[in-house]
PDB file of N, CA and C in Angstrom:
ATOM      1  N   MET A   1       0.843  -1.170   0.000  1.00  0.00           N
ATOM      2  CA  MET A   1       0.000   0.000   0.000  1.00  0.00           C
ATOM      3  C   MET A   1       0.895   1.243   0.000  1.00  0.00           C
ATOM      4  N   GLU A   2       0.544   2.180  -0.835  1.00  0.00           N
ATOM      5  CA  GLU A   2       1.295   3.421  -0.925  1.00  0.00           C
ATOM      6  C   GLU A   2       0.735   4.417   0.083  1.00  0.00           C
ATOM      7  N   LEU A   3       1.619   4.993   0.876  1.00  0.00           N
ATOM      8  CA  LEU A   3       1.193   5.966   1.874  1.00  0.00           C
ATOM      9  C   LEU A   3       1.214   7.363   1.266  1.00  0.00           C
ATOM     10  N   THR A   4       0.039   7.940   1.099  1.00  0.00           N
ATOM     11  CA  THR A   4      -0.069   9.287   0.560  1.00  0.00           C
ATOM     12  C   THR A   4      -0.032  10.296   1.700  1.00  0.00           C
ATOM     13  N   ARG A   5       0.041  11.549   1.345  1.00  0.00           N
ATOM     14  CA  ARG A   5       0.057  12.606   2.348  1.00  0.00           C
ATOM     15  C   ARG A   5      -1.217  12.590   3.186  1.00  0.00           C
ATOM     16  N   GLU A   6      -2.336  12.346   2.525  1.00  0.00           N
ATOM     17  CA  GLU A   6      -3.627  12.322   3.210  1.00  0.00           C
ATOM     18  C   GLU A   6      -3.707  11.150   4.200  1.00  0.00           C
ATOM     19  N   ILE A   7      -3.207   9.993   3.793  1.00  0.00           N
ATOM     20  CA  ILE A   7      -3.208   8.824   4.679  1.00  0.00           C
ATOM     21  C   ILE A   7      -2.301   9.083   5.874  1.00  0.00           C
ATOM     22  N   LEU A   8      -1.115   9.637   5.642  1.00  0.00           N
ATOM     23  CA  LEU A   8      -0.196   9.913   6.737  1.00  0.00           C
ATOM     24  C   LEU A   8      -0.767  10.940   7.714  1.00  0.00           C
ATOM     25  N   ALA A   9      -1.448  11.965   7.194  1.00  0.00           N
ATOM     26  CA  ALA A   9      -2.061  12.969   8.064  1.00  0.00           C
ATOM     27  C   ALA A   9      -3.141  12.332   8.935  1.00  0.00           C
ATOM     28  N   CYS A  10      -3.935  11.458   8.337  1.00  0.00           N
ATOM     29  CA  CYS A  10      -4.983  10.753   9.078  1.00  0.00           C
ATOM     30  C   CYS A  10      -4.369   9.835  10.131  1.00  0.00           C
ATOM     31  N   MET A  11      -3.306   9.141   9.769  1.00  0.00           N
ATOM     32  CA  MET A  11      -2.643   8.239  10.713  1.00  0.00           C
ATOM     33  C   MET A  11      -2.047   9.012  11.890  1.00  0.00           C
ATOM     34  N   GLN A  12      -1.493  10.183  11.633  1.00  0.00           N
ATOM     35  CA  GLN A  12      -0.930  10.985  12.713  1.00  0.00           C
ATOM     36  C   GLN A  12      -2.024  11.454  13.668  1.00  0.00           C
ATOM     37  N   HIS A  13      -3.151  11.850  13.100  1.00  0.00           N
ATOM     38  CA  HIS A  13      -4.275  12.277  13.939  1.00  0.00           C
ATOM     39  C   HIS A  13      -4.778  11.105  14.792  1.00  0.00           C
ATOM     40  N   ILE A  14      -4.898   9.949  14.168  1.00  0.00           N
ATOM     41  CA  ILE A  14      -5.346   8.755  14.903  1.00  0.00           C
ATOM     42  C   ILE A  14      -4.334   8.392  15.985  1.00  0.00           C
ATOM     43  N   ARG A  15      -3.060   8.493  15.672  1.00  0.00           N
ATOM     44  CA  ARG A  15      -2.031   8.154  16.646  1.00  0.00           C
ATOM     45  C   ARG A  15      -2.156   9.030  17.891  1.00  0.00           C
ATOM     46  N   ARG A  16      -2.419  10.325  17.702  1.00  0.00           N
ATOM     47  CA  ARG A  16      -2.614  11.228  18.839  1.00  0.00           C
ATOM     48  C   ARG A  16      -3.844  10.820  19.665  1.00  0.00           C
ATOM     49  N   GLN A  17      -4.925  10.494  18.965  1.00  0.00           N
ATOM     50  CA  GLN A  17      -6.152  10.078  19.657  1.00  0.00           C
ATOM     51  C   GLN A  17      -5.933   8.797  20.461  1.00  0.00           C
ATOM     52  N   LEU A  18      -5.270   7.822  19.841  1.00  0.00           N
ATOM     53  CA  LEU A  18      -5.044   6.539  20.516  1.00  0.00           C
ATOM     54  C   LEU A  18      -4.081   6.694  21.689  1.00  0.00           C
ATOM     55  N   ARG A  19      -3.144   7.614  21.570  1.00  0.00           N
ATOM     56  CA  ARG A  19      -2.223   7.866  22.675  1.00  0.00           C
ATOM     57  C   ARG A  19      -2.991   8.412  23.880  1.00  0.00           C
ATOM     58  N   LYS A  20      -3.977   9.293  23.636  1.00  0.00           N
ATOM     59  CA  LYS A  20      -4.802   9.841  24.717  1.00  0.00           C
ATOM     60  C   LYS A  20      -5.676   8.754  25.347  1.00  0.00           C
ATOM     61  N   GLU A  21      -6.322   7.963  24.497  1.00  0.00           N
ATOM     62  CA  GLU A  21      -7.296   6.986  24.987  1.00  0.00           C
ATOM     63  C   GLU A  21      -6.673   5.729  25.587  1.00  0.00           C
ATOM     64  N   PHE A  22      -5.696   5.167  24.892  1.00  0.00           N
ATOM     65  CA  PHE A  22      -5.152   3.872  25.298  1.00  0.00           C
ATOM     66  C   PHE A  22      -3.735   3.950  25.856  1.00  0.00           C
ATOM     67  N   ALA A  23      -3.134   5.132  25.867  1.00  0.00           N
ATOM     68  CA  ALA A  23      -1.750   5.318  26.323  1.00  0.00           C
ATOM     69  C   ALA A  23      -0.793   4.419  25.536  1.00  0.00           C
ATOM     70  N   LEU A  24      -1.025   4.328  24.221  1.00  0.00           N
ATOM     71  CA  LEU A  24      -0.170   3.537  23.338  1.00  0.00           C
ATOM     72  C   LEU A  24       0.673   4.459  22.477  1.00  0.00           C
ATOM     73  N   ASP A  25       1.878   4.035  22.179  1.00  0.00           N
ATOM     74  CA  ASP A  25       2.731   4.782  21.271  1.00  0.00           C
ATOM     75  C   ASP A  25       2.956   3.929  20.028  1.00  0.00           C
ATOM     76  N   LEU A  26       2.200   4.227  18.974  1.00  0.00           N
ATOM     77  CA  LEU A  26       2.318   3.493  17.722  1.00  0.00           C
ATOM     78  C   LEU A  26       3.290   4.212  16.800  1.00  0.00           C
ATOM     79  N   HIS A  27       4.033   3.443  16.035  1.00  0.00           N
ATOM     80  CA  HIS A  27       4.971   3.995  15.073  1.00  0.00           C
ATOM     81  C   HIS A  27       4.395   3.834  13.671  1.00  0.00           C
ATOM     82  N   LEU A  28       4.391   4.909  12.914  1.00  0.00           N
ATOM     83  CA  LEU A  28       3.785   4.887  11.587  1.00  0.00           C
ATOM     84  C   LEU A  28       4.556   4.025  10.600  1.00  0.00           C
ATOM     85  N   GLY A  29       5.828   3.779  10.854  1.00  0.00           N
ATOM     86  CA  GLY A  29       6.649   2.993   9.944  1.00  0.00           C
ATOM     87  C   GLY A  29       6.501   1.490  10.096  1.00  0.00           C
ATOM     88  N   GLU A  30       5.768   1.034  11.114  1.00  0.00           N
ATOM     89  CA  GLU A  30       5.586  -0.408  11.312  1.00  0.00           C
ATOM     90  C   GLU A  30       4.769  -0.997  10.162  1.00  0.00           C
ATOM     91  N   SER A  31       5.064  -2.236   9.825  1.00  0.00           N
ATOM     92  CA  SER A  31       4.382  -2.861   8.687  1.00  0.00           C
ATOM     93  C   SER A  31       2.889  -3.084   8.948  1.00  0.00           C
ATOM     94  N   ASP A  32       2.500  -3.268  10.202  1.00  0.00           N
ATOM     95  CA  ASP A  32       1.094  -3.508  10.524  1.00  0.00           C
ATOM     96  C   ASP A  32       0.430  -2.294  11.165  1.00  0.00           C
ATOM     97  N   ALA A  33       0.958  -1.095  10.921  1.00  0.00           N
ATOM     98  CA  ALA A  33       0.443   0.110  11.576  1.00  0.00           C
ATOM     99  C   ALA A  33      -1.013   0.389  11.210  1.00  0.00           C
ATOM    100  N   VAL A  34      -1.340   0.316   9.925  1.00  0.00           N
ATOM    101  CA  VAL A  34      -2.700   0.651   9.496  1.00  0.00           C
ATOM    102  C   VAL A  34      -3.723  -0.359  10.027  1.00  0.00           C
ATOM    103  N   PRO A  35      -3.529  -1.675   9.841  1.00  0.00           N
ATOM    104  CA  PRO A  35      -4.511  -2.617  10.394  1.00  0.00           C
ATOM    105  C   PRO A  35      -4.639  -2.520  11.915  1.00  0.00           C
ATOM    106  N   ARG A  36      -3.532  -2.277  12.579  1.00  0.00           N
ATOM    107  CA  ARG A  36      -3.566  -2.158  14.041  1.00  0.00           C
ATOM    108  C   ARG A  36      -4.343  -0.916  14.466  1.00  0.00           C
ATOM    109  N   MET A  37      -4.134   0.181  13.761  1.00  0.00           N
ATOM    110  CA  MET A  37      -4.883   1.409  14.055  1.00  0.00           C
ATOM    111  C   MET A  37      -6.374   1.214  13.813  1.00  0.00           C
ATOM    112  N   LEU A  38      -6.709   0.525  12.725  1.00  0.00           N
ATOM    113  CA  LEU A  38      -8.116   0.277  12.425  1.00  0.00           C
ATOM    114  C   LEU A  38      -8.774  -0.550  13.528  1.00  0.00           C
ATOM    115  N   GLU A  39      -8.051  -1.550  14.014  1.00  0.00           N
ATOM    116  CA  GLU A  39      -8.583  -2.401  15.079  1.00  0.00           C
ATOM    117  C   GLU A  39      -8.791  -1.611  16.369  1.00  0.00           C
ATOM    118  N   LEU A  40      -7.811  -0.787  16.719  1.00  0.00           N
ATOM    119  CA  LEU A  40      -7.918   0.012  17.941  1.00  0.00           C
ATOM    120  C   LEU A  40      -9.011   1.071  17.823  1.00  0.00           C
ATOM    121  N   CYS A  41      -9.159   1.652  16.650  1.00  0.00           N
ATOM    122  CA  CYS A  41     -10.224   2.633  16.441  1.00  0.00           C
ATOM    123  C   CYS A  41     -11.597   1.990  16.624  1.00  0.00           C
ATOM    124  N   ALA A  42     -11.739   0.770  16.157  1.00  0.00           N
ATOM    125  CA  ALA A  42     -13.018   0.065  16.296  1.00  0.00           C
ATOM    126  C   ALA A  42     -13.327  -0.231  17.759  1.00  0.00           C
ATOM    127  N   GLN A  43     -12.303  -0.419  18.579  1.00  0.00           N
ATOM    128  CA  GLN A  43     -12.494  -0.710  20.002  1.00  0.00           C
ATOM    129  C   GLN A  43     -12.720   0.548  20.826  1.00  0.00           C
ATOM    130  N   SER A  44     -12.486   1.697  20.247  1.00  0.00           N
ATOM    131  CA  SER A  44     -12.562   2.961  20.964  1.00  0.00           C
ATOM    132  C   SER A  44     -13.990   3.290  21.385  1.00  0.00           C
ATOM    133  N   THR A  45     -14.102   4.006  22.492  1.00  0.00           N
ATOM    134  CA  THR A  45     -15.411   4.465  22.950  1.00  0.00           C
ATOM    135  C   THR A  45     -15.737   5.845  22.390  1.00  0.00           C
ATOM    136  N   SER A  46     -14.762   6.487  21.770  1.00  0.00           N
ATOM    137  CA  SER A  46     -14.940   7.825  21.204  1.00  0.00           C
ATOM    138  C   SER A  46     -15.479   7.729  19.775  1.00  0.00           C
ATOM    139  N   ALA A  47     -16.558   8.445  19.519  1.00  0.00           N
ATOM    140  CA  ALA A  47     -17.142   8.454  18.172  1.00  0.00           C
ATOM    141  C   ALA A  47     -16.184   9.091  17.169  1.00  0.00           C
ATOM    142  N   GLU A  48     -15.432  10.091  17.611  1.00  0.00           N
ATOM    143  CA  GLU A  48     -14.475  10.762  16.723  1.00  0.00           C
ATOM    144  C   GLU A  48     -13.382   9.789  16.277  1.00  0.00           C
ATOM    145  N   THR A  49     -12.874   9.007  17.219  1.00  0.00           N
ATOM    146  CA  THR A  49     -11.817   8.044  16.894  1.00  0.00           C
ATOM    147  C   THR A  49     -12.343   6.965  15.963  1.00  0.00           C
ATOM    148  N   ARG A  50     -13.551   6.475  16.218  1.00  0.00           N
ATOM    149  CA  ARG A  50     -14.135   5.472  15.324  1.00  0.00           C
ATOM    150  C   ARG A  50     -14.336   6.032  13.921  1.00  0.00           C
ATOM    151  N   ALA A  51     -14.764   7.292  13.828  1.00  0.00           N
ATOM    152  CA  ALA A  51     -14.951   7.925  12.517  1.00  0.00           C
ATOM    153  C   ALA A  51     -13.606   8.084  11.794  1.00  0.00           C
ATOM    154  N   LEU A  52     -12.566   8.442  12.549  1.00  0.00           N
ATOM    155  CA  LEU A  52     -11.235   8.547  11.942  1.00  0.00           C
ATOM    156  C   LEU A  52     -10.774   7.185  11.416  1.00  0.00           C
ATOM    157  N   GLY A  53     -11.069   6.129  12.162  1.00  0.00           N
ATOM    158  CA  GLY A  53     -10.718   4.785  11.717  1.00  0.00           C
ATOM    159  C   GLY A  53     -11.434   4.408  10.434  1.00  0.00           C
ATOM    160  N   GLU A  54     -12.700   4.757  10.345  1.00  0.00           N
ATOM    161  CA  GLU A  54     -13.457   4.474   9.126  1.00  0.00           C
ATOM    162  C   GLU A  54     -12.886   5.258   7.942  1.00  0.00           C
ATOM    163  N   HIS A  55     -12.499   6.506   8.206  1.00  0.00           N
ATOM    164  CA  HIS A  55     -11.910   7.329   7.147  1.00  0.00           C
ATOM    165  C   HIS A  55     -10.577   6.736   6.684  1.00  0.00           C
ATOM    166  N   LEU A  56      -9.754   6.291   7.635  1.00  0.00           N
ATOM    167  CA  LEU A  56      -8.479   5.668   7.285  1.00  0.00           C
ATOM    168  C   LEU A  56      -8.711   4.391   6.470  1.00  0.00           C
ATOM    169  N   GLY A  57      -9.729   3.625   6.825  1.00  0.00           N
ATOM    170  CA  GLY A  57     -10.061   2.420   6.074  1.00  0.00           C
ATOM    171  C   GLY A  57     -10.439   2.738   4.632  1.00  0.00           C
ATOM    172  N   GLU A  58     -11.200   3.826   4.447  1.00  0.00           N
ATOM    173  CA  GLU A  58     -11.585   4.235   3.093  1.00  0.00           C
ATOM    174  C   GLU A  58     -10.366   4.689   2.297  1.00  0.00           C
ATOM    175  N   LEU A  59      -9.503   5.477   2.943  1.00  0.00           N
ATOM    176  CA  LEU A  59      -8.325   5.989   2.251  1.00  0.00           C
ATOM    177  C   LEU A  59      -7.354   4.874   1.863  1.00  0.00           C
ATOM    178  N   SER A  60      -7.176   3.922   2.776  1.00  0.00           N
ATOM    179  CA  SER A  60      -6.181   2.876   2.557  1.00  0.00           C
ATOM    180  C   SER A  60      -6.736   1.695   1.771  1.00  0.00           C
ATOM    181  N   GLY A  61      -8.057   1.561   1.731  1.00  0.00           N
ATOM    182  CA  GLY A  61      -8.664   0.430   1.039  1.00  0.00           C
ATOM    183  C   GLY A  61      -8.654  -0.838   1.879  1.00  0.00           C
ATOM    184  N   ILE A  62      -8.302  -0.720   3.145  1.00  0.00           N
ATOM    185  CA  ILE A  62      -8.278  -1.879   4.046  1.00  0.00           C
ATOM    186  C   ILE A  62      -9.572  -1.892   4.837  1.00  0.00           C
ATOM    187  N   ARG A  63     -10.264  -2.991   4.773  1.00  0.00           N
ATOM    188  CA  ARG A  63     -11.523  -3.147   5.498  1.00  0.00           C
ATOM    189  C   ARG A  63     -11.340  -4.137   6.634  1.00  0.00           C
ATOM    190  N   ARG A  64     -11.924  -3.816   7.757  1.00  0.00           N
ATOM    191  CA  ARG A  64     -11.894  -4.743   8.888  1.00  0.00           C
ATOM    192  C   ARG A  64     -12.893  -5.857   8.636  1.00  0.00           C
ATOM    193  N   ALA A  65     -12.565  -7.028   9.119  1.00  0.00           N
ATOM    194  CA  ALA A  65     -13.508  -8.143   9.042  1.00  0.00           C
ATOM    195  C   ALA A  65     -14.639  -7.863  10.029  1.00  0.00           C
ATOM    196  N   PRO A  66     -15.868  -8.208   9.663  1.00  0.00           N
ATOM    197  CA  PRO A  66     -16.962  -7.986  10.606  1.00  0.00           C
ATOM    198  C   PRO A  66     -16.757  -8.849  11.843  1.00  0.00           C
ATOM    199  N   PRO A  67     -17.215  -8.370  12.988  1.00  0.00           N
ATOM    200  CA  PRO A  67     -17.029  -9.146  14.203  1.00  0.00           C
ATOM    201  C   PRO A  67     -17.763 -10.482  14.130  1.00  0.00           C
ATOM    202  N   ALA A  68     -17.173 -11.502  14.707  1.00  0.00           N
ATOM    203  CA  ALA A  68     -17.781 -12.836  14.705  1.00  0.00           C
ATOM    204  C   ALA A  68     -19.010 -12.832  15.608  1.00  0.00           C
ATOM    205  N   LEU A  69     -20.064 -13.461  15.134  1.00  0.00           N
ATOM    206  CA  LEU A  69     -21.290 -13.536  15.916  1.00  0.00           C
ATOM    207  C   LEU A  69     -21.198 -14.681  16.919  1.00  0.00           C
ATOM    208  N   THR A  70     -21.812 -14.481  18.062  1.00  0.00           N
ATOM    209  CA  THR A  70     -21.869 -15.543  19.055  1.00  0.00           C
ATOM    210  C   THR A  70     -22.915 -16.566  18.615  1.00  0.00           C
ATOM    211  N   GLU A  71     -22.940 -17.701  19.271  1.00  0.00           N
ATOM    212  CA  GLU A  71     -23.902 -18.750  18.927  1.00  0.00           C
ATOM    213  C   GLU A  71     -25.338 -18.254  19.082  1.00  0.00           C
ATOM    214  N   ALA A  72     -25.602 -17.521  20.151  1.00  0.00           N
ATOM    215  CA  ALA A  72     -26.946 -16.997  20.386  1.00  0.00           C
ATOM    216  C   ALA A  72     -27.348 -15.994  19.300  1.00  0.00           C
ATOM    217  N   GLN A  73     -26.398 -15.167  18.869  1.00  0.00           N
ATOM    218  CA  GLN A  73     -26.689 -14.202  17.812  1.00  0.00           C
ATOM    219  C   GLN A  73     -26.958 -14.903  16.483  1.00  0.00           C
ATOM    220  N   LEU A  74     -26.206 -15.968  16.197  1.00  0.00           N
ATOM    221  CA  LEU A  74     -26.438 -16.724  14.963  1.00  0.00           C
ATOM    222  C   LEU A  74     -27.815 -17.367  14.959  1.00  0.00           C
ATOM    223  N   ILE A  75     -28.196 -17.955  16.072  1.00  0.00           N
ATOM    224  CA  ILE A  75     -29.520 -18.587  16.168  1.00  0.00           C
ATOM    225  C   ILE A  75     -30.607 -17.545  15.960  1.00  0.00           C
ATOM    226  N   ALA A  76     -30.468 -16.395  16.622  1.00  0.00           N
ATOM    227  CA  ALA A  76     -31.467 -15.333  16.488  1.00  0.00           C
ATOM    228  C   ALA A  76     -31.536 -14.832  15.045  1.00  0.00           C
ATOM    229  N   LYS A  77     -30.396 -14.718  14.408  1.00  0.00           N
ATOM    230  CA  LYS A  77     -30.342 -14.230  13.030  1.00  0.00           C
ATOM    231  C   LYS A  77     -31.085 -15.169  12.082  1.00  0.00           C
ATOM    232  N   TYR A  78     -30.856 -16.458  12.209  1.00  0.00           N
ATOM    233  CA  TYR A  78     -31.485 -17.412  11.301  1.00  0.00           C
ATOM    234  C   TYR A  78     -32.926 -17.722  11.668  1.00  0.00           C
ATOM    235  N   MET A  79     -33.304 -17.548  12.896  1.00  0.00           N
ATOM    236  CA  MET A  79     -34.691 -17.767  13.286  1.00  0.00           C
ATOM    237  C   MET A  79     -35.582 -16.650  12.753  1.00  0.00           C
ATOM    238  N   GLU A  80     -35.038 -15.452  12.601  1.00  0.00           N
ATOM    239  CA  GLU A  80     -35.820 -14.342  12.058  1.00  0.00           C
ATOM    240  C   GLU A  80     -36.162 -14.566  10.594  1.00  0.00           C
ATOM    241  N   ARG A  81     -35.304 -15.220   9.856  1.00  0.00           N
ATOM    242  CA  ARG A  81     -35.512 -15.417   8.420  1.00  0.00           C
ATOM    243  C   ARG A  81     -36.599 -16.442   8.113  1.00  0.00           C
ATOM    244  N   TYR A  82     -36.688 -17.501   8.886  1.00  0.00           N
ATOM    245  CA  TYR A  82     -37.584 -18.599   8.563  1.00  0.00           C
ATOM    246  C   TYR A  82     -39.027 -18.173   8.780  1.00  0.00           C
ATOM    247  N   THR A  83     -39.840 -18.305   7.731  1.00  0.00           N
ATOM    248  CA  THR A  83     -41.249 -17.912   7.836  1.00  0.00           C
ATOM    249  C   THR A  83     -42.212 -19.031   7.487  1.00  0.00           C
ATOM    250  N   GLY A  84     -41.682 -20.140   7.030  1.00  0.00           N
ATOM    251  CA  GLY A  84     -42.551 -21.251   6.605  1.00  0.00           C
ATOM    252  C   GLY A  84     -42.904 -22.178   7.758  1.00  0.00           C
ATOM    253  N   THR A  85     -43.663 -23.217   7.427  1.00  0.00           N
ATOM    254  CA  THR A  85     -44.046 -24.203   8.420  1.00  0.00           C
ATOM    255  C   THR A  85     -43.027 -25.308   8.470  1.00  0.00           C
ATOM    256  N   LEU A  86     -42.986 -26.012   9.570  1.00  0.00           N
ATOM    257  CA  LEU A  86     -42.066 -27.145   9.707  1.00  0.00           C
ATOM    258  C   LEU A  86     -42.729 -28.377   9.126  1.00  0.00           C
ATOM    259  N   ARG A  87     -41.970 -29.136   8.368  1.00  0.00           N
ATOM    260  CA  ARG A  87     -42.492 -30.395   7.822  1.00  0.00           C
ATOM    261  C   ARG A  87     -41.738 -31.527   8.466  1.00  0.00           C
ATOM    262  N   GLY A  88     -42.380 -32.581   8.700  1.00  0.00           N
ATOM    263  CA  GLY A  88     -41.667 -33.647   9.350  1.00  0.00           C
ATOM    264  C   GLY A  88     -42.157 -34.997   9.125  1.00  0.00           C
TER     265      GLY A  88
END
């Protein structure tokens, strides 16, 4: 991935936010800096930080995997879809 000026500016802003919230010192030159920032932004309680993470994802083209559903959530999800009768 090519780091443009806009991506670097966004990463610097996110780095400042994450330093305030999580007391972490991330280095922009690390190979996993962008995915790690995206993950931390998603865990943040600040709406601004989450929005910055989404913006960084759009700029970089890296998308986070959706969170895994629990067993109860999967059952609820598939039970909502079924509308027919049971045959047996």
